[in-house]
Amino acid sequence: MSYSKENSNRNPFKIPEGFFEKQRSEILAATSDKRSVFQKRVLSIKLYRSLAFAASLTAIGILGSVWINKTTDNCISFSCLLESTDFNDLSIEDYQTLEIWEEELIDEESELL
């Protein structure tokens, strides 16, 4: 290695003026950009997770509602509704109402004869 005359007169252990301030400002400038990029990445990851969770809940809700609608029969007539009703689940008032309707239906049929 050859040293120039300019370097030979310098003290190699002397720190130039403003060296630490310059280094500090360069480090802060370099890390502040990376930190903001890192924060943006973390926010985007959290956003993607939230969107994925919401989409999963929506899909489960849609599939569940389709499954529930397929398992229940849609009754149009009173006889269909009567056949699909579990009488053990009825309250006393509902059961009495059904008895009244049956009596009225029998009365109407007997009048037609």
PDB file of N, CA and C in Angstrom:
ATOM      1  N   MET A   1       0.838  -1.176   0.000  1.00  0.00           N
ATOM      2  CA  MET A   1       0.000   0.000   0.000  1.00  0.00           C
ATOM      3  C   MET A   1       0.880   1.235   0.000  1.00  0.00           C
ATOM      4  N   SER A   2       0.532   2.115  -0.829  1.00  0.00           N
ATOM      5  CA  SER A   2       1.299   3.366  -0.883  1.00  0.00           C
ATOM      6  C   SER A   2       0.424   4.494  -0.361  1.00  0.00           C
ATOM      7  N   TYR A   3       1.027   5.320   0.474  1.00  0.00           N
ATOM      8  CA  TYR A   3       0.326   6.468   1.038  1.00  0.00           C
ATOM      9  C   TYR A   3       0.794   7.722   0.309  1.00  0.00           C
ATOM     10  N   SER A   4      -0.134   8.586   0.069  1.00  0.00           N
ATOM     11  CA  SER A   4       0.275   9.861  -0.531  1.00  0.00           C
ATOM     12  C   SER A   4       0.829  10.756   0.564  1.00  0.00           C
ATOM     13  N   LYS A   5       1.428  11.819   0.162  1.00  0.00           N
ATOM     14  CA  LYS A   5       2.019  12.745   1.115  1.00  0.00           C
ATOM     15  C   LYS A   5       0.947  13.366   2.013  1.00  0.00           C
ATOM     16  N   GLU A   6      -0.219  13.526   1.449  1.00  0.00           N
ATOM     17  CA  GLU A   6      -1.321  14.128   2.203  1.00  0.00           C
ATOM     18  C   GLU A   6      -1.740  13.208   3.342  1.00  0.00           C
ATOM     19  N   ASN A   7      -1.820  11.908   3.104  1.00  0.00           N
ATOM     20  CA  ASN A   7      -2.209  10.958   4.128  1.00  0.00           C
ATOM     21  C   ASN A   7      -1.108  10.714   5.157  1.00  0.00           C
ATOM     22  N   SER A   8       0.120  10.920   4.768  1.00  0.00           N
ATOM     23  CA  SER A   8       1.196  10.646   5.705  1.00  0.00           C
ATOM     24  C   SER A   8       1.269  11.690   6.808  1.00  0.00           C
ATOM     25  N   ASN A   9       0.806  12.901   6.558  1.00  0.00           N
ATOM     26  CA  ASN A   9       0.830  13.950   7.563  1.00  0.00           C
ATOM     27  C   ASN A   9      -0.372  13.871   8.517  1.00  0.00           C
ATOM     28  N   ARG A  10      -1.346  13.085   8.188  1.00  0.00           N
ATOM     29  CA  ARG A  10      -2.546  12.984   9.034  1.00  0.00           C
ATOM     30  C   ARG A  10      -2.336  11.988  10.161  1.00  0.00           C
ATOM     31  N   ASN A  11      -3.006  12.262  11.257  1.00  0.00           N
ATOM     32  CA  ASN A  11      -3.009  11.328  12.363  1.00  0.00           C
ATOM     33  C   ASN A  11      -4.124  10.317  12.086  1.00  0.00           C
ATOM     34  N   PRO A  12      -3.792   9.018  11.958  1.00  0.00           N
ATOM     35  CA  PRO A  12      -4.827   8.040  11.603  1.00  0.00           C
ATOM     36  C   PRO A  12      -5.849   7.805  12.714  1.00  0.00           C
ATOM     37  N   PHE A  13      -5.550   8.225  13.945  1.00  0.00           N
ATOM     38  CA  PHE A  13      -6.456   8.000  15.057  1.00  0.00           C
ATOM     39  C   PHE A  13      -7.343   9.197  15.369  1.00  0.00           C
ATOM     40  N   LYS A  14      -7.187  10.257  14.613  1.00  0.00           N
ATOM     41  CA  LYS A  14      -7.980  11.460  14.849  1.00  0.00           C
ATOM     42  C   LYS A  14      -9.313  11.336  14.099  1.00  0.00           C
ATOM     43  N   ILE A  15     -10.401  11.634  14.794  1.00  0.00           N
ATOM     44  CA  ILE A  15     -11.738  11.561  14.200  1.00  0.00           C
ATOM     45  C   ILE A  15     -12.055  12.907  13.559  1.00  0.00           C
ATOM     46  N   PRO A  16     -12.473  12.900  12.309  1.00  0.00           N
ATOM     47  CA  PRO A  16     -12.786  14.169  11.647  1.00  0.00           C
ATOM     48  C   PRO A  16     -13.959  14.871  12.329  1.00  0.00           C
ATOM     49  N   GLU A  17     -14.009  16.169  12.193  1.00  0.00           N
ATOM     50  CA  GLU A  17     -15.081  16.949  12.815  1.00  0.00           C
ATOM     51  C   GLU A  17     -16.423  16.618  12.143  1.00  0.00           C
ATOM     52  N   GLY A  18     -17.454  16.492  12.969  1.00  0.00           N
ATOM     53  CA  GLY A  18     -18.803  16.226  12.468  1.00  0.00           C
ATOM     54  C   GLY A  18     -19.015  14.796  11.988  1.00  0.00           C
ATOM     55  N   PHE A  19     -18.064  13.902  12.284  1.00  0.00           N
ATOM     56  CA  PHE A  19     -18.160  12.524  11.822  1.00  0.00           C
ATOM     57  C   PHE A  19     -19.378  11.814  12.421  1.00  0.00           C
ATOM     58  N   PHE A  20     -19.553  11.926  13.737  1.00  0.00           N
ATOM     59  CA  PHE A  20     -20.644  11.211  14.401  1.00  0.00           C
ATOM     60  C   PHE A  20     -22.004  11.782  14.015  1.00  0.00           C
ATOM     61  N   GLU A  21     -22.107  13.087  13.869  1.00  0.00           N
ATOM     62  CA  GLU A  21     -23.369  13.692  13.457  1.00  0.00           C
ATOM     63  C   GLU A  21     -23.750  13.231  12.054  1.00  0.00           C
ATOM     64  N   LYS A  22     -22.738  13.166  11.175  1.00  0.00           N
ATOM     65  CA  LYS A  22     -22.985  12.718   9.810  1.00  0.00           C
ATOM     66  C   LYS A  22     -23.433  11.252   9.803  1.00  0.00           C
ATOM     67  N   GLN A  23     -22.738  10.424  10.576  1.00  0.00           N
ATOM     68  CA  GLN A  23     -23.093   9.012  10.656  1.00  0.00           C
ATOM     69  C   GLN A  23     -24.500   8.831  11.236  1.00  0.00           C
ATOM     70  N   ARG A  24     -24.806   9.576  12.277  1.00  0.00           N
ATOM     71  CA  ARG A  24     -26.117   9.485  12.910  1.00  0.00           C
ATOM     72  C   ARG A  24     -27.219   9.864  11.924  1.00  0.00           C
ATOM     73  N   SER A  25     -27.019  10.960  11.190  1.00  0.00           N
ATOM     74  CA  SER A  25     -28.038  11.396  10.235  1.00  0.00           C
ATOM     75  C   SER A  25     -28.202  10.391   9.095  1.00  0.00           C
ATOM     76  N   GLU A  26     -27.091   9.791   8.640  1.00  0.00           N
ATOM     77  CA  GLU A  26     -27.187   8.770   7.588  1.00  0.00           C
ATOM     78  C   GLU A  26     -27.904   7.523   8.084  1.00  0.00           C
ATOM     79  N   ILE A  27     -27.607   7.127   9.297  1.00  0.00           N
ATOM     80  CA  ILE A  27     -28.263   5.940   9.869  1.00  0.00           C
ATOM     81  C   ILE A  27     -29.755   6.196  10.062  1.00  0.00           C
ATOM     82  N   LEU A  28     -30.092   7.354  10.615  1.00  0.00           N
ATOM     83  CA  LEU A  28     -31.498   7.678  10.820  1.00  0.00           C
ATOM     84  C   LEU A  28     -32.256   7.766   9.501  1.00  0.00           C
ATOM     85  N   ALA A  29     -31.627   8.338   8.488  1.00  0.00           N
ATOM     86  CA  ALA A  29     -32.282   8.430   7.187  1.00  0.00           C
ATOM     87  C   ALA A  29     -32.505   7.044   6.588  1.00  0.00           C
ATOM     88  N   ALA A  30     -31.512   6.180   6.717  1.00  0.00           N
ATOM     89  CA  ALA A  30     -31.634   4.833   6.157  1.00  0.00           C
ATOM     90  C   ALA A  30     -32.653   3.993   6.921  1.00  0.00           C
ATOM     91  N   THR A  31     -32.661   4.094   8.240  1.00  0.00           N
ATOM     92  CA  THR A  31     -33.577   3.262   9.019  1.00  0.00           C
ATOM     93  C   THR A  31     -34.994   3.804   9.040  1.00  0.00           C
ATOM     94  N   SER A  32     -35.177   5.100   8.894  1.00  0.00           N
ATOM     95  CA  SER A  32     -36.537   5.635   8.914  1.00  0.00           C
ATOM     96  C   SER A  32     -37.313   5.166   7.688  1.00  0.00           C
ATOM     97  N   ASP A  33     -36.675   5.056   6.545  1.00  0.00           N
ATOM     98  CA  ASP A  33     -37.349   4.544   5.355  1.00  0.00           C
ATOM     99  C   ASP A  33     -37.719   3.081   5.538  1.00  0.00           C
ATOM    100  N   LYS A  34     -36.801   2.299   6.087  1.00  0.00           N
ATOM    101  CA  LYS A  34     -37.081   0.880   6.294  1.00  0.00           C
ATOM    102  C   LYS A  34     -38.161   0.686   7.340  1.00  0.00           C
ATOM    103  N   ARG A  35     -38.175   1.523   8.348  1.00  0.00           N
ATOM    104  CA  ARG A  35     -39.187   1.396   9.392  1.00  0.00           C
ATOM    105  C   ARG A  35     -40.568   1.680   8.837  1.00  0.00           C
ATOM    106  N   SER A  36     -40.705   2.698   8.011  1.00  0.00           N
ATOM    107  CA  SER A  36     -42.016   3.009   7.448  1.00  0.00           C
ATOM    108  C   SER A  36     -42.458   1.906   6.496  1.00  0.00           C
ATOM    109  N   VAL A  37     -41.520   1.324   5.736  1.00  0.00           N
ATOM    110  CA  VAL A  37     -41.854   0.205   4.862  1.00  0.00           C
ATOM    111  C   VAL A  37     -42.286  -0.979   5.705  1.00  0.00           C
ATOM    112  N   PHE A  38     -41.581  -1.222   6.808  1.00  0.00           N
ATOM    113  CA  PHE A  38     -41.942  -2.322   7.696  1.00  0.00           C
ATOM    114  C   PHE A  38     -43.330  -2.111   8.283  1.00  0.00           C
ATOM    115  N   GLN A  39     -43.627  -0.887   8.715  1.00  0.00           N
ATOM    116  CA  GLN A  39     -44.944  -0.601   9.270  1.00  0.00           C
ATOM    117  C   GLN A  39     -46.030  -0.786   8.213  1.00  0.00           C
ATOM    118  N   LYS A  40     -45.765  -0.378   6.987  1.00  0.00           N
ATOM    119  CA  LYS A  40     -46.736  -0.570   5.913  1.00  0.00           C
ATOM    120  C   LYS A  40     -46.973  -2.053   5.661  1.00  0.00           C
ATOM    121  N   ARG A  41     -45.897  -2.851   5.707  1.00  0.00           N
ATOM    122  CA  ARG A  41     -46.044  -4.294   5.507  1.00  0.00           C
ATOM    123  C   ARG A  41     -46.861  -4.917   6.622  1.00  0.00           C
ATOM    124  N   VAL A  42     -46.613  -4.521   7.856  1.00  0.00           N
ATOM    125  CA  VAL A  42     -47.364  -5.063   8.987  1.00  0.00           C
ATOM    126  C   VAL A  42     -48.837  -4.689   8.857  1.00  0.00           C
ATOM    127  N   LEU A  43     -49.097  -3.424   8.484  1.00  0.00           N
ATOM    128  CA  LEU A  43     -50.483  -3.004   8.320  1.00  0.00           C
ATOM    129  C   LEU A  43     -51.152  -3.754   7.187  1.00  0.00           C
ATOM    130  N   SER A  44     -50.450  -3.978   6.093  1.00  0.00           N
ATOM    131  CA  SER A  44     -51.055  -4.692   4.984  1.00  0.00           C
ATOM    132  C   SER A  44     -51.300  -6.158   5.348  1.00  0.00           C
ATOM    133  N   ILE A  45     -50.408  -6.753   6.129  1.00  0.00           N
ATOM    134  CA  ILE A  45     -50.617  -8.136   6.566  1.00  0.00           C
ATOM    135  C   ILE A  45     -51.840  -8.211   7.475  1.00  0.00           C
ATOM    136  N   LYS A  46     -51.977  -7.252   8.395  1.00  0.00           N
ATOM    137  CA  LYS A  46     -53.148  -7.237   9.275  1.00  0.00           C
ATOM    138  C   LYS A  46     -54.422  -7.021   8.472  1.00  0.00           C
ATOM    139  N   LEU A  47     -54.357  -6.166   7.462  1.00  0.00           N
ATOM    140  CA  LEU A  47     -55.517  -5.919   6.622  1.00  0.00           C
ATOM    141  C   LEU A  47     -55.905  -7.178   5.856  1.00  0.00           C
ATOM    142  N   TYR A  48     -54.918  -7.880   5.298  1.00  0.00           N
ATOM    143  CA  TYR A  48     -55.207  -9.111   4.572  1.00  0.00           C
ATOM    144  C   TYR A  48     -55.794 -10.174   5.501  1.00  0.00           C
ATOM    145  N   ARG A  49     -55.282 -10.271   6.707  1.00  0.00           N
ATOM    146  CA  ARG A  49     -55.836 -11.241   7.657  1.00  0.00           C
ATOM    147  C   ARG A  49     -57.286 -10.894   8.006  1.00  0.00           C
ATOM    148  N   SER A  50     -57.556  -9.612   8.216  1.00  0.00           N
ATOM    149  CA  SER A  50     -58.920  -9.196   8.538  1.00  0.00           C
ATOM    150  C   SER A  50     -59.872  -9.477   7.376  1.00  0.00           C
ATOM    151  N   LEU A  51     -59.429  -9.180   6.170  1.00  0.00           N
ATOM    152  CA  LEU A  51     -60.262  -9.446   4.996  1.00  0.00           C
ATOM    153  C   LEU A  51     -60.490 -10.940   4.798  1.00  0.00           C
ATOM    154  N   ALA A  52     -59.464 -11.748   5.028  1.00  0.00           N
ATOM    155  CA  ALA A  52     -59.606 -13.196   4.904  1.00  0.00           C
ATOM    156  C   ALA A  52     -60.582 -13.734   5.946  1.00  0.00           C
ATOM    157  N   PHE A  53     -60.493 -13.221   7.159  1.00  0.00           N
ATOM    158  CA  PHE A  53     -61.410 -13.652   8.214  1.00  0.00           C
ATOM    159  C   PHE A  53     -62.848 -13.265   7.882  1.00  0.00           C
ATOM    160  N   ALA A  54     -63.046 -12.040   7.393  1.00  0.00           N
ATOM    161  CA  ALA A  54     -64.392 -11.592   7.020  1.00  0.00           C
ATOM    162  C   ALA A  54     -64.934 -12.407   5.860  1.00  0.00           C
ATOM    163  N   ALA A  55     -64.099 -12.716   4.890  1.00  0.00           N
ATOM    164  CA  ALA A  55     -64.542 -13.525   3.754  1.00  0.00           C
ATOM    165  C   ALA A  55     -64.903 -14.939   4.199  1.00  0.00           C
ATOM    166  N   SER A  56     -64.136 -15.484   5.125  1.00  0.00           N
ATOM    167  CA  SER A  56     -64.446 -16.827   5.643  1.00  0.00           C
ATOM    168  C   SER A  56     -65.782 -16.842   6.370  1.00  0.00           C
ATOM    169  N   LEU A  57     -66.020 -15.831   7.210  1.00  0.00           N
ATOM    170  CA  LEU A  57     -67.303 -15.765   7.915  1.00  0.00           C
ATOM    171  C   LEU A  57     -68.464 -15.606   6.942  1.00  0.00           C
ATOM    172  N   THR A  58     -68.275 -14.816   5.906  1.00  0.00           N
ATOM    173  CA  THR A  58     -69.320 -14.633   4.904  1.00  0.00           C
ATOM    174  C   THR A  58     -69.612 -15.937   4.184  1.00  0.00           C
ATOM    175  N   ALA A  59     -68.560 -16.648   3.786  1.00  0.00           N
ATOM    176  CA  ALA A  59     -68.744 -17.922   3.090  1.00  0.00           C
ATOM    177  C   ALA A  59     -69.442 -18.945   3.987  1.00  0.00           C
ATOM    178  N   ILE A  60     -69.048 -19.001   5.242  1.00  0.00           N
ATOM    179  CA  ILE A  60     -69.692 -19.933   6.176  1.00  0.00           C
ATOM    180  C   ILE A  60     -71.166 -19.571   6.355  1.00  0.00           C
ATOM    181  N   GLY A  61     -71.458 -18.275   6.457  1.00  0.00           N
ATOM    182  CA  GLY A  61     -72.849 -17.840   6.595  1.00  0.00           C
ATOM    183  C   GLY A  61     -73.691 -18.196   5.383  1.00  0.00           C
ATOM    184  N   ILE A  62     -73.143 -17.998   4.197  1.00  0.00           N
ATOM    185  CA  ILE A  62     -73.892 -18.319   2.977  1.00  0.00           C
ATOM    186  C   ILE A  62     -74.126 -19.821   2.870  1.00  0.00           C
ATOM    187  N   LEU A  63     -73.069 -20.606   3.096  1.00  0.00           N
ATOM    188  CA  LEU A  63     -73.230 -22.060   3.025  1.00  0.00           C
ATOM    189  C   LEU A  63     -74.190 -22.572   4.103  1.00  0.00           C
ATOM    190  N   GLY A  64     -74.110 -21.995   5.289  1.00  0.00           N
ATOM    191  CA  GLY A  64     -75.022 -22.403   6.361  1.00  0.00           C
ATOM    192  C   GLY A  64     -76.468 -22.084   6.038  1.00  0.00           C
ATOM    193  N   SER A  65     -76.714 -20.908   5.471  1.00  0.00           N
ATOM    194  CA  SER A  65     -78.096 -20.549   5.146  1.00  0.00           C
ATOM    195  C   SER A  65     -78.639 -21.413   4.021  1.00  0.00           C
ATOM    196  N   VAL A  66     -77.810 -21.757   3.049  1.00  0.00           N
ATOM    197  CA  VAL A  66     -78.259 -22.649   1.969  1.00  0.00           C
ATOM    198  C   VAL A  66     -78.564 -24.020   2.536  1.00  0.00           C
ATOM    199  N   TRP A  67     -77.720 -24.518   3.433  1.00  0.00           N
ATOM    200  CA  TRP A  67     -77.932 -25.832   4.016  1.00  0.00           C
ATOM    201  C   TRP A  67     -79.204 -25.856   4.864  1.00  0.00           C
ATOM    202  N   ILE A  68     -79.429 -24.800   5.640  1.00  0.00           N
ATOM    203  CA  ILE A  68     -80.628 -24.742   6.484  1.00  0.00           C
ATOM    204  C   ILE A  68     -81.888 -24.676   5.627  1.00  0.00           C
ATOM    205  N   ASN A  69     -81.854 -23.892   4.562  1.00  0.00           N
ATOM    206  CA  ASN A  69     -83.029 -23.775   3.698  1.00  0.00           C
ATOM    207  C   ASN A  69     -83.332 -25.064   2.967  1.00  0.00           C
ATOM    208  N   LYS A  70     -82.332 -25.865   2.658  1.00  0.00           N
ATOM    209  CA  LYS A  70     -82.571 -27.131   1.972  1.00  0.00           C
ATOM    210  C   LYS A  70     -83.125 -28.192   2.907  1.00  0.00           C
ATOM    211  N   THR A  71     -82.802 -28.089   4.189  1.00  0.00           N
ATOM    212  CA  THR A  71     -83.256 -29.111   5.123  1.00  0.00           C
ATOM    213  C   THR A  71     -84.695 -28.899   5.570  1.00  0.00           C
ATOM    214  N   THR A  72     -85.225 -27.707   5.437  1.00  0.00           N
ATOM    215  CA  THR A  72     -86.612 -27.467   5.843  1.00  0.00           C
ATOM    216  C   THR A  72     -87.497 -27.440   4.606  1.00  0.00           C
ATOM    217  N   ASP A  73     -88.667 -28.059   4.733  1.00  0.00           N
ATOM    218  CA  ASP A  73     -89.626 -28.058   3.636  1.00  0.00           C
ATOM    219  C   ASP A  73     -90.454 -26.793   3.698  1.00  0.00           C
ATOM    220  N   ASN A  74     -90.738 -26.246   2.547  1.00  0.00           N
ATOM    221  CA  ASN A  74     -91.597 -25.065   2.493  1.00  0.00           C
ATOM    222  C   ASN A  74     -93.036 -25.543   2.302  1.00  0.00           C
ATOM    223  N   CYS A  75     -93.843 -25.297   3.313  1.00  0.00           N
ATOM    224  CA  CYS A  75     -95.235 -25.720   3.266  1.00  0.00           C
ATOM    225  C   CYS A  75     -96.096 -24.586   2.740  1.00  0.00           C
ATOM    226  N   ILE A  76     -96.979 -24.946   1.823  1.00  0.00           N
ATOM    227  CA  ILE A  76     -97.910 -23.966   1.280  1.00  0.00           C
ATOM    228  C   ILE A  76     -99.298 -24.179   1.875  1.00  0.00           C
ATOM    229  N   SER A  77     -99.675 -25.421   2.063  1.00  0.00           N
ATOM    230  CA  SER A  77    -101.026 -25.704   2.561  1.00  0.00           C
ATOM    231  C   SER A  77    -101.008 -25.968   4.066  1.00  0.00           C
ATOM    232  N   PHE A  78    -102.214 -25.908   4.630  1.00  0.00           N
ATOM    233  CA  PHE A  78    -102.366 -26.155   6.055  1.00  0.00           C
ATOM    234  C   PHE A  78    -102.054 -27.609   6.386  1.00  0.00           C
ATOM    235  N   SER A  79    -102.420 -28.533   5.516  1.00  0.00           N
ATOM    236  CA  SER A  79    -102.171 -29.950   5.787  1.00  0.00           C
ATOM    237  C   SER A  79    -100.672 -30.248   5.809  1.00  0.00           C
ATOM    238  N   CYS A  80     -99.924 -29.620   4.928  1.00  0.00           N
ATOM    239  CA  CYS A  80     -98.461 -29.803   4.933  1.00  0.00           C
ATOM    240  C   CYS A  80     -97.873 -29.268   6.230  1.00  0.00           C
ATOM    241  N   LEU A  81     -98.343 -28.106   6.643  1.00  0.00           N
ATOM    242  CA  LEU A  81     -97.857 -27.513   7.892  1.00  0.00           C
ATOM    243  C   LEU A  81     -98.220 -28.384   9.085  1.00  0.00           C
ATOM    244  N   LEU A  82     -99.430 -28.933   9.064  1.00  0.00           N
ATOM    245  CA  LEU A  82     -99.891 -29.794  10.150  1.00  0.00           C
ATOM    246  C   LEU A  82     -99.059 -31.075  10.216  1.00  0.00           C
ATOM    247  N   GLU A  83     -98.731 -31.640   9.063  1.00  0.00           N
ATOM    248  CA  GLU A  83     -97.942 -32.871   9.032  1.00  0.00           C
ATOM    249  C   GLU A  83     -96.498 -32.632   9.487  1.00  0.00           C
ATOM    250  N   SER A  84     -95.967 -31.475   9.197  1.00  0.00           N
ATOM    251  CA  SER A  84     -94.569 -31.212   9.557  1.00  0.00           C
ATOM    252  C   SER A  84     -94.414 -30.677  10.977  1.00  0.00           C
ATOM    253  N   THR A  85     -95.517 -30.418  11.670  1.00  0.00           N
ATOM    254  CA  THR A  85     -95.459 -29.858  13.016  1.00  0.00           C
ATOM    255  C   THR A  85     -95.288 -30.976  14.036  1.00  0.00           C
ATOM    256  N   ASP A  86     -94.375 -30.787  14.962  1.00  0.00           N
ATOM    257  CA  ASP A  86     -94.197 -31.706  16.076  1.00  0.00           C
ATOM    258  C   ASP A  86     -95.096 -31.217  17.207  1.00  0.00           C
ATOM    259  N   PHE A  87     -96.094 -32.007  17.547  1.00  0.00           N
ATOM    260  CA  PHE A  87     -97.082 -31.575  18.528  1.00  0.00           C
ATOM    261  C   PHE A  87     -96.518 -31.510  19.939  1.00  0.00           C
ATOM    262  N   ASN A  88     -95.403 -32.147  20.178  1.00  0.00           N
ATOM    263  CA  ASN A  88     -94.780 -32.069  21.503  1.00  0.00           C
ATOM    264  C   ASN A  88     -94.162 -30.697  21.749  1.00  0.00           C
ATOM    265  N   ASP A  89     -93.843 -29.983  20.671  1.00  0.00           N
ATOM    266  CA  ASP A  89     -93.235 -28.664  20.803  1.00  0.00           C
ATOM    267  C   ASP A  89     -94.257 -27.536  20.891  1.00  0.00           C
ATOM    268  N   LEU A  90     -95.534 -27.837  20.689  1.00  0.00           N
ATOM    269  CA  LEU A  90     -96.560 -26.794  20.690  1.00  0.00           C
ATOM    270  C   LEU A  90     -96.932 -26.391  22.114  1.00  0.00           C
ATOM    271  N   SER A  91     -97.284 -25.140  22.243  1.00  0.00           N
ATOM    272  CA  SER A  91     -97.804 -24.690  23.532  1.00  0.00           C
ATOM    273  C   SER A  91     -99.283 -25.083  23.624  1.00  0.00           C
ATOM    274  N   ILE A  92     -99.855 -24.937  24.799  1.00  0.00           N
ATOM    275  CA  ILE A  92    -101.255 -25.317  25.008  1.00  0.00           C
ATOM    276  C   ILE A  92    -102.174 -24.465  24.148  1.00  0.00           C
ATOM    277  N   GLU A  93    -101.878 -23.178  24.043  1.00  0.00           N
ATOM    278  CA  GLU A  93    -102.726 -22.284  23.239  1.00  0.00           C
ATOM    279  C   GLU A  93    -102.683 -22.668  21.758  1.00  0.00           C
ATOM    280  N   ASP A  94    -101.491 -23.006  21.258  1.00  0.00           N
ATOM    281  CA  ASP A  94    -101.377 -23.424  19.859  1.00  0.00           C
ATOM    282  C   ASP A  94    -102.131 -24.728  19.612  1.00  0.00           C
ATOM    283  N   TYR A  95    -102.037 -25.633  20.550  1.00  0.00           N
ATOM    284  CA  TYR A  95    -102.734 -26.913  20.405  1.00  0.00           C
ATOM    285  C   TYR A  95    -104.253 -26.704  20.411  1.00  0.00           C
ATOM    286  N   GLN A  96    -104.731 -25.828  21.273  1.00  0.00           N
ATOM    287  CA  GLN A  96    -106.164 -25.534  21.309  1.00  0.00           C
ATOM    288  C   GLN A  96    -106.619 -24.841  20.027  1.00  0.00           C
ATOM    289  N   THR A  97    -105.790 -23.973  19.487  1.00  0.00           N
ATOM    290  CA  THR A  97    -106.123 -23.309  18.223  1.00  0.00           C
ATOM    291  C   THR A  97    -106.228 -24.332  17.102  1.00  0.00           C
ATOM    292  N   LEU A  98    -105.338 -25.292  17.066  1.00  0.00           N
ATOM    293  CA  LEU A  98    -105.412 -26.341  16.038  1.00  0.00           C
ATOM    294  C   LEU A  98    -106.690 -27.158  16.183  1.00  0.00           C
ATOM    295  N   GLU A  99    -107.081 -27.451  17.399  1.00  0.00           N
ATOM    296  CA  GLU A  99    -108.325 -28.209  17.615  1.00  0.00           C
ATOM    297  C   GLU A  99    -109.541 -27.425  17.124  1.00  0.00           C
ATOM    298  N   ILE A 100    -109.546 -26.121  17.375  1.00  0.00           N
ATOM    299  CA  ILE A 100    -110.651 -25.271  16.911  1.00  0.00           C
ATOM    300  C   ILE A 100    -110.703 -25.266  15.389  1.00  0.00           C
ATOM    301  N   TRP A 101    -109.553 -25.136  14.726  1.00  0.00           N
ATOM    302  CA  TRP A 101    -109.511 -25.138  13.261  1.00  0.00           C
ATOM    303  C   TRP A 101    -110.002 -26.475  12.703  1.00  0.00           C
ATOM    304  N   GLU A 102    -109.625 -27.582  13.347  1.00  0.00           N
ATOM    305  CA  GLU A 102    -110.076 -28.892  12.875  1.00  0.00           C
ATOM    306  C   GLU A 102    -111.586 -29.027  13.017  1.00  0.00           C
ATOM    307  N   GLU A 103    -112.119 -28.527  14.126  1.00  0.00           N
ATOM    308  CA  GLU A 103    -113.577 -28.584  14.323  1.00  0.00           C
ATOM    309  C   GLU A 103    -114.301 -27.748  13.274  1.00  0.00           C
ATOM    310  N   GLU A 104    -113.764 -26.563  12.990  1.00  0.00           N
ATOM    311  CA  GLU A 104    -114.393 -25.716  11.971  1.00  0.00           C
ATOM    312  C   GLU A 104    -114.320 -26.366  10.597  1.00  0.00           C
ATOM    313  N   LEU A 105    -113.216 -27.021  10.308  1.00  0.00           N
ATOM    314  CA  LEU A 105    -113.056 -27.692   9.022  1.00  0.00           C
ATOM    315  C   LEU A 105    -114.051 -28.851   8.906  1.00  0.00           C
ATOM    316  N   ILE A 106    -114.228 -29.596   9.993  1.00  0.00           N
ATOM    317  CA  ILE A 106    -115.183 -30.707   9.981  1.00  0.00           C
ATOM    318  C   ILE A 106    -116.607 -30.175   9.810  1.00  0.00           C
ATOM    319  N   ASP A 107    -116.914 -29.063  10.477  1.00  0.00           N
ATOM    320  CA  ASP A 107    -118.245 -28.459  10.344  1.00  0.00           C
ATOM    321  C   ASP A 107    -118.499 -27.995   8.914  1.00  0.00           C
ATOM    322  N   GLU A 108    -117.525 -27.396   8.284  1.00  0.00           N
ATOM    323  CA  GLU A 108    -117.670 -26.918   6.905  1.00  0.00           C
ATOM    324  C   GLU A 108    -117.880 -28.098   5.959  1.00  0.00           C
ATOM    325  N   GLU A 109    -117.156 -29.187   6.183  1.00  0.00           N
ATOM    326  CA  GLU A 109    -117.289 -30.366   5.321  1.00  0.00           C
ATOM    327  C   GLU A 109    -118.666 -31.010   5.491  1.00  0.00           C
ATOM    328  N   SER A 110    -119.150 -31.020   6.723  1.00  0.00           N
ATOM    329  CA  SER A 110    -120.460 -31.631   6.953  1.00  0.00           C
ATOM    330  C   SER A 110    -121.574 -30.796   6.358  1.00  0.00           C
ATOM    331  N   GLU A 111    -121.411 -29.486   6.300  1.00  0.00           N
ATOM    332  CA  GLU A 111    -122.414 -28.609   5.685  1.00  0.00           C
ATOM    333  C   GLU A 111    -122.458 -28.816   4.171  1.00  0.00           C
ATOM    334  N   LEU A 112    -121.313 -29.129   3.585  1.00  0.00           N
ATOM    335  CA  LEU A 112    -121.282 -29.342   2.143  1.00  0.00           C
ATOM    336  C   LEU A 112    -121.978 -30.637   1.754  1.00  0.00           C
ATOM    337  N   LEU A 113    -122.041 -31.570   2.629  1.00  0.00           N
ATOM    338  CA  LEU A 113    -122.700 -32.836   2.327  1.00  0.00           C
ATOM    339  C   LEU A 113    -124.160 -32.688   2.498  1.00  0.00           C
TER     340      LEU A 113
END
